[in-house]
All heavy atoms as atom14 arrays in JSON, in Angstrom:
{
  "sequence": "YPVNVDLRSLNGERVKFILTVLANGTSHDDFALWVNPRITRQSAQPA",
  "atom14_mask": [
    [1, 1, 1, 1, 1, 1, 1, 1, 1, 1, 1, 1, 0, 0],
    [1, 1, 1, 1, 1, 1, 1, 0, 0, 0, 0, 0, 0, 0],
    [1, 1, 1, 1, 1, 1, 1, 0, 0, 0, 0, 0, 0, 0],
    [1, 1, 1, 1, 1, 1, 1, 1, 0, 0, 0, 0, 0, 0],
    [1, 1, 1, 1, 1, 1, 1, 0, 0, 0, 0, 0, 0, 0],
    [1, 1, 1, 1, 1, 1, 1, 1, 0, 0, 0, 0, 0, 0],
    [1, 1, 1, 1, 1, 1, 1, 1, 0, 0, 0, 0, 0, 0],
    [1, 1, 1, 1, 1, 1, 1, 1, 1, 1, 1, 0, 0, 0],
    [1, 1, 1, 1, 1, 1, 0, 0, 0, 0, 0, 0, 0, 0],
    [1, 1, 1, 1, 1, 1, 1, 1, 0, 0, 0, 0, 0, 0],
    [1, 1, 1, 1, 1, 1, 1, 1, 0, 0, 0, 0, 0, 0],
    [1, 1, 1, 1, 0, 0, 0, 0, 0, 0, 0, 0, 0, 0],
    [1, 1, 1, 1, 1, 1, 1, 1, 1, 0, 0, 0, 0, 0],
    [1, 1, 1, 1, 1, 1, 1, 1, 1, 1, 1, 0, 0, 0],
    [1, 1, 1, 1, 1, 1, 1, 0, 0, 0, 0, 0, 0, 0],
    [1, 1, 1, 1, 1, 1, 1, 1, 1, 0, 0, 0, 0, 0],
    [1, 1, 1, 1, 1, 1, 1, 1, 1, 1, 1, 0, 0, 0],
    [1, 1, 1, 1, 1, 1, 1, 1, 0, 0, 0, 0, 0, 0],
    [1, 1, 1, 1, 1, 1, 1, 1, 0, 0, 0, 0, 0, 0],
    [1, 1, 1, 1, 1, 1, 1, 0, 0, 0, 0, 0, 0, 0],
    [1, 1, 1, 1, 1, 1, 1, 0, 0, 0, 0, 0, 0, 0],
    [1, 1, 1, 1, 1, 1, 1, 1, 0, 0, 0, 0, 0, 0],
    [1, 1, 1, 1, 1, 0, 0, 0, 0, 0, 0, 0, 0, 0],
    [1, 1, 1, 1, 1, 1, 1, 1, 0, 0, 0, 0, 0, 0],
    [1, 1, 1, 1, 0, 0, 0, 0, 0, 0, 0, 0, 0, 0],
    [1, 1, 1, 1, 1, 1, 1, 0, 0, 0, 0, 0, 0, 0],
    [1, 1, 1, 1, 1, 1, 0, 0, 0, 0, 0, 0, 0, 0],
    [1, 1, 1, 1, 1, 1, 1, 1, 1, 1, 0, 0, 0, 0],
    [1, 1, 1, 1, 1, 1, 1, 1, 0, 0, 0, 0, 0, 0],
    [1, 1, 1, 1, 1, 1, 1, 1, 0, 0, 0, 0, 0, 0],
    [1, 1, 1, 1, 1, 1, 1, 1, 1, 1, 1, 0, 0, 0],
    [1, 1, 1, 1, 1, 0, 0, 0, 0, 0, 0, 0, 0, 0],
    [1, 1, 1, 1, 1, 1, 1, 1, 0, 0, 0, 0, 0, 0],
    [1, 1, 1, 1, 1, 1, 1, 1, 1, 1, 1, 1, 1, 1],
    [1, 1, 1, 1, 1, 1, 1, 0, 0, 0, 0, 0, 0, 0],
    [1, 1, 1, 1, 1, 1, 1, 1, 0, 0, 0, 0, 0, 0],
    [1, 1, 1, 1, 1, 1, 1, 0, 0, 0, 0, 0, 0, 0],
    [1, 1, 1, 1, 1, 1, 1, 1, 1, 1, 1, 0, 0, 0],
    [1, 1, 1, 1, 1, 1, 1, 1, 0, 0, 0, 0, 0, 0],
    [1, 1, 1, 1, 1, 1, 1, 0, 0, 0, 0, 0, 0, 0],
    [1, 1, 1, 1, 1, 1, 1, 1, 1, 1, 1, 0, 0, 0],
    [1, 1, 1, 1, 1, 1, 1, 1, 1, 0, 0, 0, 0, 0],
    [1, 1, 1, 1, 1, 1, 0, 0, 0, 0, 0, 0, 0, 0],
    [1, 1, 1, 1, 1, 0, 0, 0, 0, 0, 0, 0, 0, 0],
    [1, 1, 1, 1, 1, 1, 1, 1, 1, 0, 0, 0, 0, 0],
    [1, 1, 1, 1, 1, 1, 1, 0, 0, 0, 0, 0, 0, 0],
    [1, 1, 1, 1, 1, 0, 0, 0, 0, 0, 0, 0, 0, 0]
  ],
  "atom14_positions": [
    [[0.82, -1.21, 0.0], [0.0, 0.0, 0.0], [0.85, 1.27, 0.0], [1.91, 1.32, 0.64], [-0.92, 0.0, 1.22], [-1.82, -1.2, 1.25], [-1.44, -2.36, 1.94], [-3.03, -1.21, 0.57], [-2.24, -3.48, 1.94], [-3.84, -2.32, 0.57], [-3.46, -3.46, 1.26], [-4.25, -4.58, 1.25], [0.0, 0.0, 0.0], [0.0, 0.0, 0.0]],
    [[0.38, 2.31, -0.7], [1.07, 3.6, -0.66], [0.67, 4.4, 0.58], [-0.48, 4.36, 1.02], [0.58, 4.3, -1.94], [-0.78, 3.73, -2.16], [-0.74, 2.3, -1.67], [0.0, 0.0, 0.0], [0.0, 0.0, 0.0], [0.0, 0.0, 0.0], [0.0, 0.0, 0.0], [0.0, 0.0, 0.0], [0.0, 0.0, 0.0], [0.0, 0.0, 0.0]],
    [[1.63, 5.11, 1.12], [1.41, 6.01, 2.25], [1.77, 7.42, 1.78], [2.83, 7.62, 1.18], [2.26, 5.61, 3.47], [2.22, 6.69, 4.54], [1.8, 4.27, 4.02], [0.0, 0.0, 0.0], [0.0, 0.0, 0.0], [0.0, 0.0, 0.0], [0.0, 0.0, 0.0], [0.0, 0.0, 0.0], [0.0, 0.0, 0.0], [0.0, 0.0, 0.0]],
    [[0.9, 8.37, 2.03], [1.14, 9.76, 1.6], [0.6, 10.68, 2.69], [-0.62, 10.83, 2.83], [0.44, 10.01, 0.27], [0.88, 11.3, -0.4], [1.24, 12.26, 0.27], [0.83, 11.33, -1.72], [0.0, 0.0, 0.0], [0.0, 0.0, 0.0], [0.0, 0.0, 0.0], [0.0, 0.0, 0.0], [0.0, 0.0, 0.0], [0.0, 0.0, 0.0]],
    [[1.49, 11.3, 3.45], [1.1, 12.1, 4.61], [1.47, 13.57, 4.39], [2.63, 13.89, 4.14], [1.78, 11.59, 5.9], [1.37, 12.44, 7.1], [1.43, 10.12, 6.13], [0.0, 0.0, 0.0], [0.0, 0.0, 0.0], [0.0, 0.0, 0.0], [0.0, 0.0, 0.0], [0.0, 0.0, 0.0], [0.0, 0.0, 0.0], [0.0, 0.0, 0.0]],
    [[0.48, 14.43, 4.48], [0.69, 15.87, 4.36], [1.34, 16.38, 5.65], [0.84, 16.14, 6.75], [-0.66, 16.56, 4.14], [-0.51, 18.02, 3.76], [0.56, 18.62, 4.01], [-1.49, 18.59, 3.24], [0.0, 0.0, 0.0], [0.0, 0.0, 0.0], [0.0, 0.0, 0.0], [0.0, 0.0, 0.0], [0.0, 0.0, 0.0], [0.0, 0.0, 0.0]],
    [[2.45, 17.1, 5.52], [3.19, 17.57, 6.69], [2.96, 19.05, 6.98], [3.76, 19.67, 7.7], [4.69, 17.31, 6.49], [5.09, 15.85, 6.25], [6.58, 15.74, 6.0], [4.68, 14.97, 7.43], [0.0, 0.0, 0.0], [0.0, 0.0, 0.0], [0.0, 0.0, 0.0], [0.0, 0.0, 0.0], [0.0, 0.0, 0.0], [0.0, 0.0, 0.0]],
    [[1.9, 19.62, 6.46], [1.69, 21.05, 6.62], [1.56, 21.49, 8.08], [1.88, 22.63, 8.42], [0.46, 21.51, 5.85], [-0.88, 21.08, 6.41], [-2.02, 21.63, 5.59], [-1.98, 21.15, 4.23], [-2.66, 21.72, 3.23], [-3.39, 22.78, 3.45], [-2.59, 21.21, 2.02], [0.0, 0.0, 0.0], [0.0, 0.0, 0.0], [0.0, 0.0, 0.0]],
    [[1.13, 20.59, 8.94], [1.02, 20.95, 10.35], [2.38, 21.19, 10.99], [2.48, 21.75, 12.08], [0.28, 19.85, 11.12], [1.01, 18.63, 11.08], [0.0, 0.0, 0.0], [0.0, 0.0, 0.0], [0.0, 0.0, 0.0], [0.0, 0.0, 0.0], [0.0, 0.0, 0.0], [0.0, 0.0, 0.0], [0.0, 0.0, 0.0], [0.0, 0.0, 0.0]],
    [[3.45, 20.78, 10.31], [4.81, 20.92, 10.84], [5.61, 22.0, 10.1], [6.83, 22.1, 10.29], [5.55, 19.58, 10.76], [4.91, 18.42, 11.53], [5.68, 17.13, 11.25], [4.87, 18.72, 13.02], [0.0, 0.0, 0.0], [0.0, 0.0, 0.0], [0.0, 0.0, 0.0], [0.0, 0.0, 0.0], [0.0, 0.0, 0.0], [0.0, 0.0, 0.0]],
    [[4.95, 22.79, 9.27], [5.64, 23.81, 8.49], [6.53, 24.69, 9.38], [6.08, 25.21, 10.41], [4.64, 24.72, 7.76], [4.01, 24.03, 6.57], [4.4, 22.93, 6.2], [3.04, 24.67, 5.95], [0.0, 0.0, 0.0], [0.0, 0.0, 0.0], [0.0, 0.0, 0.0], [0.0, 0.0, 0.0], [0.0, 0.0, 0.0], [0.0, 0.0, 0.0]],
    [[7.79, 24.82, 8.99], [8.71, 25.69, 9.71], [9.37, 25.06, 10.93], [10.22, 25.7, 11.57], [0.0, 0.0, 0.0], [0.0, 0.0, 0.0], [0.0, 0.0, 0.0], [0.0, 0.0, 0.0], [0.0, 0.0, 0.0], [0.0, 0.0, 0.0], [0.0, 0.0, 0.0], [0.0, 0.0, 0.0], [0.0, 0.0, 0.0], [0.0, 0.0, 0.0]],
    [[9.03, 23.83, 11.25], [9.58, 23.17, 12.44], [10.83, 22.35, 12.08], [10.97, 21.85, 10.97], [8.54, 22.23, 13.06], [7.26, 22.93, 13.54], [7.47, 23.7, 14.83], [8.6, 23.69, 15.38], [6.49, 24.31, 15.3], [0.0, 0.0, 0.0], [0.0, 0.0, 0.0], [0.0, 0.0, 0.0], [0.0, 0.0, 0.0], [0.0, 0.0, 0.0]],
    [[11.71, 22.22, 13.06], [12.83, 21.27, 12.97], [12.38, 19.99, 13.64], [12.13, 19.96, 14.85], [14.08, 21.84, 13.65], [14.75, 22.95, 12.83], [15.96, 23.52, 13.55], [16.98, 22.52, 13.86], [17.89, 22.08, 13.0], [17.9, 22.54, 11.75], [18.79, 21.17, 13.35], [0.0, 0.0, 0.0], [0.0, 0.0, 0.0], [0.0, 0.0, 0.0]],
    [[12.28, 18.94, 12.83], [11.58, 17.72, 13.25], [12.51, 16.51, 13.19], [13.29, 16.34, 12.24], [10.35, 17.48, 12.34], [9.66, 16.17, 12.7], [9.38, 18.65, 12.45], [0.0, 0.0, 0.0], [0.0, 0.0, 0.0], [0.0, 0.0, 0.0], [0.0, 0.0, 0.0], [0.0, 0.0, 0.0], [0.0, 0.0, 0.0], [0.0, 0.0, 0.0]],
    [[12.41, 15.64, 14.21], [13.04, 14.33, 14.18], [11.96, 13.33, 13.79], [11.0, 13.12, 14.55], [13.62, 13.96, 15.55], [14.7, 14.92, 16.03], [15.07, 14.62, 17.47], [16.05, 15.65, 18.01], [16.33, 15.46, 19.46], [0.0, 0.0, 0.0], [0.0, 0.0, 0.0], [0.0, 0.0, 0.0], [0.0, 0.0, 0.0], [0.0, 0.0, 0.0]],
    [[12.1, 12.72, 12.61], [11.11, 11.73, 12.18], [11.5, 10.35, 12.71], [12.69, 10.01, 12.81], [11.01, 11.7, 10.66], [10.25, 12.86, 10.1], [10.92, 13.93, 9.5], [8.87, 12.91, 10.18], [10.22, 15.01, 8.99], [8.16, 13.98, 9.67], [8.84, 15.04, 9.08], [0.0, 0.0, 0.0], [0.0, 0.0, 0.0], [0.0, 0.0, 0.0]],
    [[10.47, 9.57, 13.05], [10.67, 8.24, 13.65], [9.86, 7.22, 12.86], [8.64, 7.35, 12.7], [10.23, 8.24, 15.13], [10.99, 9.32, 15.91], [10.44, 6.85, 15.75], [10.44, 9.57, 17.3], [0.0, 0.0, 0.0], [0.0, 0.0, 0.0], [0.0, 0.0, 0.0], [0.0, 0.0, 0.0], [0.0, 0.0, 0.0], [0.0, 0.0, 0.0]],
    [[10.55, 6.2, 12.35], [9.89, 5.06, 11.69], [9.86, 3.9, 12.66], [10.9, 3.53, 13.22], [10.65, 4.66, 10.42], [10.84, 5.72, 9.34], [11.54, 5.1, 8.12], [9.52, 6.33, 8.94], [0.0, 0.0, 0.0], [0.0, 0.0, 0.0], [0.0, 0.0, 0.0], [0.0, 0.0, 0.0], [0.0, 0.0, 0.0], [0.0, 0.0, 0.0]],
    [[8.68, 3.32, 12.86], [8.53, 2.22, 13.82], [7.73, 1.09, 13.2], [6.77, 1.32, 12.47], [7.81, 2.71, 15.1], [8.58, 3.74, 15.71], [7.62, 1.56, 16.1], [0.0, 0.0, 0.0], [0.0, 0.0, 0.0], [0.0, 0.0, 0.0], [0.0, 0.0, 0.0], [0.0, 0.0, 0.0], [0.0, 0.0, 0.0], [0.0, 0.0, 0.0]],
    [[8.14, -0.15, 13.49], [7.35, -1.33, 13.15], [7.12, -2.11, 14.44], [8.05, -2.41, 15.19], [8.07, -2.22, 12.12], [7.33, -3.55, 11.96], [8.16, -1.5, 10.77], [0.0, 0.0, 0.0], [0.0, 0.0, 0.0], [0.0, 0.0, 0.0], [0.0, 0.0, 0.0], [0.0, 0.0, 0.0], [0.0, 0.0, 0.0], [0.0, 0.0, 0.0]],
    [[5.85, -2.43, 14.7], [5.44, -3.17, 15.91], [4.91, -4.55, 15.5], [4.13, -4.67, 14.55], [4.34, -2.42, 16.65], [4.67, -1.01, 17.15], [3.4, -0.29, 17.54], [5.62, -1.1, 18.33], [0.0, 0.0, 0.0], [0.0, 0.0, 0.0], [0.0, 0.0, 0.0], [0.0, 0.0, 0.0], [0.0, 0.0, 0.0], [0.0, 0.0, 0.0]],
    [[5.31, -5.55, 16.22], [4.75, -6.88, 16.0], [3.31, -6.9, 16.5], [3.03, -6.48, 17.62], [5.58, -7.92, 16.74], [0.0, 0.0, 0.0], [0.0, 0.0, 0.0], [0.0, 0.0, 0.0], [0.0, 0.0, 0.0], [0.0, 0.0, 0.0], [0.0, 0.0, 0.0], [0.0, 0.0, 0.0], [0.0, 0.0, 0.0], [0.0, 0.0, 0.0]],
    [[2.41, -7.39, 15.67], [1.01, -7.48, 16.07], [0.71, -8.93, 16.45], [-0.02, -9.65, 15.78], [0.12, -7.02, 14.91], [-1.31, -6.76, 15.34], [-1.56, -6.44, 16.5], [-2.24, -6.9, 14.42], [0.0, 0.0, 0.0], [0.0, 0.0, 0.0], [0.0, 0.0, 0.0], [0.0, 0.0, 0.0], [0.0, 0.0, 0.0], [0.0, 0.0, 0.0]],
    [[1.35, -9.35, 17.55], [1.33, -10.74, 17.96], [2.77, -11.25, 17.96], [3.7, -10.49, 18.23], [0.0, 0.0, 0.0], [0.0, 0.0, 0.0], [0.0, 0.0, 0.0], [0.0, 0.0, 0.0], [0.0, 0.0, 0.0], [0.0, 0.0, 0.0], [0.0, 0.0, 0.0], [0.0, 0.0, 0.0], [0.0, 0.0, 0.0], [0.0, 0.0, 0.0]],
    [[2.95, -12.5, 17.64], [4.31, -13.04, 17.57], [5.06, -12.41, 16.39], [4.47, -12.13, 15.35], [4.3, -14.57, 17.41], [5.64, -15.05, 17.29], [3.5, -14.98, 16.2], [0.0, 0.0, 0.0], [0.0, 0.0, 0.0], [0.0, 0.0, 0.0], [0.0, 0.0, 0.0], [0.0, 0.0, 0.0], [0.0, 0.0, 0.0], [0.0, 0.0, 0.0]],
    [[6.36, -12.19, 16.57], [7.12, -11.49, 15.52], [7.96, -12.44, 14.66], [8.79, -11.98, 13.89], [8.05, -10.46, 16.16], [9.01, -11.1, 16.98], [0.0, 0.0, 0.0], [0.0, 0.0, 0.0], [0.0, 0.0, 0.0], [0.0, 0.0, 0.0], [0.0, 0.0, 0.0], [0.0, 0.0, 0.0], [0.0, 0.0, 0.0], [0.0, 0.0, 0.0]],
    [[7.72, -13.76, 14.74], [8.65, -14.69, 14.11], [8.72, -14.51, 12.59], [9.73, -14.87, 11.96], [8.25, -16.14, 14.47], [7.13, -16.68, 13.66], [5.81, -16.41, 13.94], [7.13, -17.49, 12.57], [5.03, -17.02, 13.08], [5.81, -17.69, 12.23], [0.0, 0.0, 0.0], [0.0, 0.0, 0.0], [0.0, 0.0, 0.0], [0.0, 0.0, 0.0]],
    [[7.67, -13.94, 11.93], [7.68, -13.81, 10.47], [7.44, -12.35, 10.03], [7.0, -12.11, 8.91], [6.61, -14.72, 9.86], [6.99, -15.26, 8.49], [8.18, -15.16, 8.13], [6.1, -15.75, 7.77], [0.0, 0.0, 0.0], [0.0, 0.0, 0.0], [0.0, 0.0, 0.0], [0.0, 0.0, 0.0], [0.0, 0.0, 0.0], [0.0, 0.0, 0.0]],
    [[7.75, -11.42, 10.93], [7.41, -10.01, 10.66], [8.53, -9.28, 9.91], [9.18, -8.36, 10.43], [7.11, -9.29, 11.98], [5.79, -9.73, 12.58], [5.0, -10.38, 11.87], [5.53, -9.4, 13.76], [0.0, 0.0, 0.0], [0.0, 0.0, 0.0], [0.0, 0.0, 0.0], [0.0, 0.0, 0.0], [0.0, 0.0, 0.0], [0.0, 0.0, 0.0]],
    [[8.74, -9.68, 8.68], [9.71, -9.02, 7.82], [8.98, -7.88, 7.08], [8.29, -8.11, 6.09], [10.32, -10.0, 6.83], [11.12, -11.11, 7.5], [10.51, -12.32, 7.84], [12.46, -10.92, 7.81], [11.23, -13.33, 8.46], [13.19, -11.94, 8.42], [12.57, -13.14, 8.77], [0.0, 0.0, 0.0], [0.0, 0.0, 0.0], [0.0, 0.0, 0.0]],
    [[9.14, -6.67, 7.64], [8.36, -5.53, 7.16], [9.21, -4.63, 6.27], [10.38, -4.37, 6.57], [7.83, -4.73, 8.35], [0.0, 0.0, 0.0], [0.0, 0.0, 0.0], [0.0, 0.0, 0.0], [0.0, 0.0, 0.0], [0.0, 0.0, 0.0], [0.0, 0.0, 0.0], [0.0, 0.0, 0.0], [0.0, 0.0, 0.0], [0.0, 0.0, 0.0]],
    [[8.61, -4.14, 5.19], [9.33, -3.32, 4.21], [8.79, -1.88, 4.18], [7.58, -1.65, 4.04], [9.18, -3.92, 2.82], [9.94, -5.22, 2.53], [9.49, -5.79, 1.19], [11.44, -4.97, 2.53], [0.0, 0.0, 0.0], [0.0, 0.0, 0.0], [0.0, 0.0, 0.0], [0.0, 0.0, 0.0], [0.0, 0.0, 0.0], [0.0, 0.0, 0.0]],
    [[9.74, -0.93, 4.3], [9.47, 0.47, 3.94], [10.16, 0.68, 2.58], [11.38, 0.68, 2.5], [10.11, 1.44, 4.94], [9.61, 1.37, 6.35], [10.08, 0.58, 7.34], [8.57, 2.17, 6.93], [9.41, 0.83, 8.52], [8.47, 1.81, 8.3], [7.73, 3.17, 6.44], [7.57, 2.4, 9.17], [6.83, 3.75, 7.32], [6.74, 3.38, 8.66]],
    [[9.39, 0.83, 1.52], [9.98, 0.96, 0.18], [9.94, 2.43, -0.26], [8.89, 3.07, -0.25], [9.23, 0.07, -0.82], [9.77, 0.29, -2.23], [9.38, -1.39, -0.42], [0.0, 0.0, 0.0], [0.0, 0.0, 0.0], [0.0, 0.0, 0.0], [0.0, 0.0, 0.0], [0.0, 0.0, 0.0], [0.0, 0.0, 0.0], [0.0, 0.0, 0.0]],
    [[11.15, 2.91, -0.6], [11.32, 4.29, -1.05], [10.69, 5.3, -0.08], [9.98, 6.23, -0.51], [10.75, 4.48, -2.46], [11.35, 5.68, -3.16], [12.38, 6.2, -2.77], [10.67, 6.14, -4.21], [0.0, 0.0, 0.0], [0.0, 0.0, 0.0], [0.0, 0.0, 0.0], [0.0, 0.0, 0.0], [0.0, 0.0, 0.0], [0.0, 0.0, 0.0]],
    [[10.95, 5.18, 1.21], [10.41, 6.17, 2.15], [11.18, 7.49, 2.01], [12.42, 7.5, 1.98], [10.67, 5.53, 3.51], [11.87, 4.66, 3.29], [11.77, 4.16, 1.87], [0.0, 0.0, 0.0], [0.0, 0.0, 0.0], [0.0, 0.0, 0.0], [0.0, 0.0, 0.0], [0.0, 0.0, 0.0], [0.0, 0.0, 0.0], [0.0, 0.0, 0.0]],
    [[10.44, 8.6, 1.91], [11.11, 9.88, 1.68], [10.17, 11.04, 2.03], [8.94, 10.86, 2.09], [11.54, 10.01, 0.21], [10.39, 10.04, -0.77], [10.8, 9.62, -2.16], [9.74, 9.79, -3.16], [8.71, 8.97, -3.31], [8.56, 7.91, -2.52], [7.81, 9.21, -4.25], [0.0, 0.0, 0.0], [0.0, 0.0, 0.0], [0.0, 0.0, 0.0]],
    [[10.77, 12.21, 2.2], [10.0, 13.45, 2.28], [10.1, 14.11, 0.92], [11.2, 14.4, 0.44], [10.56, 14.41, 3.36], [10.62, 13.73, 4.72], [9.71, 15.67, 3.42], [9.28, 13.33, 5.29], [0.0, 0.0, 0.0], [0.0, 0.0, 0.0], [0.0, 0.0, 0.0], [0.0, 0.0, 0.0], [0.0, 0.0, 0.0], [0.0, 0.0, 0.0]],
    [[8.97, 14.28, 0.26], [8.98, 14.92, -1.06], [8.73, 16.42, -0.91], [8.04, 16.87, 0.0], [7.91, 14.31, -1.98], [6.62, 14.5, -1.4], [8.17, 12.84, -2.2], [0.0, 0.0, 0.0], [0.0, 0.0, 0.0], [0.0, 0.0, 0.0], [0.0, 0.0, 0.0], [0.0, 0.0, 0.0], [0.0, 0.0, 0.0], [0.0, 0.0, 0.0]],
    [[9.31, 17.14, -1.85], [9.17, 18.61, -1.85], [8.97, 19.06, -3.29], [9.59, 18.54, -4.22], [10.41, 19.26, -1.25], [10.38, 20.78, -1.24], [11.52, 21.32, -0.38], [11.33, 20.96, 1.02], [12.27, 21.04, 1.95], [13.5, 21.46, 1.63], [12.01, 20.71, 3.2], [0.0, 0.0, 0.0], [0.0, 0.0, 0.0], [0.0, 0.0, 0.0]],
    [[8.09, 20.05, -3.48], [7.83, 20.58, -4.81], [8.77, 21.74, -5.11], [9.07, 22.56, -4.24], [6.38, 21.05, -4.92], [5.35, 19.99, -4.54], [5.51, 18.71, -5.32], [5.7, 18.75, -6.53], [5.43, 17.57, -4.64], [0.0, 0.0, 0.0], [0.0, 0.0, 0.0], [0.0, 0.0, 0.0], [0.0, 0.0, 0.0], [0.0, 0.0, 0.0]],
    [[9.24, 21.8, -6.35], [10.2, 22.83, -6.73], [9.92, 23.3, -8.14], [9.43, 22.54, -8.98], [11.62, 22.3, -6.64], [12.56, 23.22, -7.16], [0.0, 0.0, 0.0], [0.0, 0.0, 0.0], [0.0, 0.0, 0.0], [0.0, 0.0, 0.0], [0.0, 0.0, 0.0], [0.0, 0.0, 0.0], [0.0, 0.0, 0.0], [0.0, 0.0, 0.0]],
    [[10.25, 24.57, -8.42], [10.13, 25.09, -9.77], [11.3, 24.66, -10.64], [11.26, 24.8, -11.85], [10.04, 26.61, -9.73], [0.0, 0.0, 0.0], [0.0, 0.0, 0.0], [0.0, 0.0, 0.0], [0.0, 0.0, 0.0], [0.0, 0.0, 0.0], [0.0, 0.0, 0.0], [0.0, 0.0, 0.0], [0.0, 0.0, 0.0], [0.0, 0.0, 0.0]],
    [[12.35, 24.12, -10.02], [13.56, 23.73, -10.74], [13.8, 22.22, -10.58], [13.49, 21.65, -9.54], [14.78, 24.48, -10.2], [14.64, 26.0, -10.29], [14.54, 26.51, -11.71], [15.13, 25.92, -12.61], [13.78, 27.57, -11.92], [0.0, 0.0, 0.0], [0.0, 0.0, 0.0], [0.0, 0.0, 0.0], [0.0, 0.0, 0.0], [0.0, 0.0, 0.0]],
    [[14.36, 21.58, -11.6], [14.68, 20.15, -11.46], [15.82, 19.93, -10.48], [16.59, 20.85, -10.18], [15.09, 19.75, -12.88], [15.59, 21.02, -13.5], [14.74, 22.11, -12.91], [0.0, 0.0, 0.0], [0.0, 0.0, 0.0], [0.0, 0.0, 0.0], [0.0, 0.0, 0.0], [0.0, 0.0, 0.0], [0.0, 0.0, 0.0], [0.0, 0.0, 0.0]],
    [[15.91, 18.7, -9.96], [16.98, 18.37, -9.02], [18.34, 18.38, -9.73], [18.46, 17.95, -10.88], [16.73, 17.01, -8.39], [0.0, 0.0, 0.0], [0.0, 0.0, 0.0], [0.0, 0.0, 0.0], [0.0, 0.0, 0.0], [0.0, 0.0, 0.0], [0.0, 0.0, 0.0], [0.0, 0.0, 0.0], [0.0, 0.0, 0.0], [0.0, 0.0, 0.0]]
  ]
}
């Protein structure tokens, strides 16, 4: 599934982001993937 979170509530803040995975029961097979996790920003110029 895609995750897309608007961060406007944090505009102008210096933030420490935290990624967490919790076992929902036994963790013996909990191989969890964060794929291409990033903070995106819009710009008038290419990278």
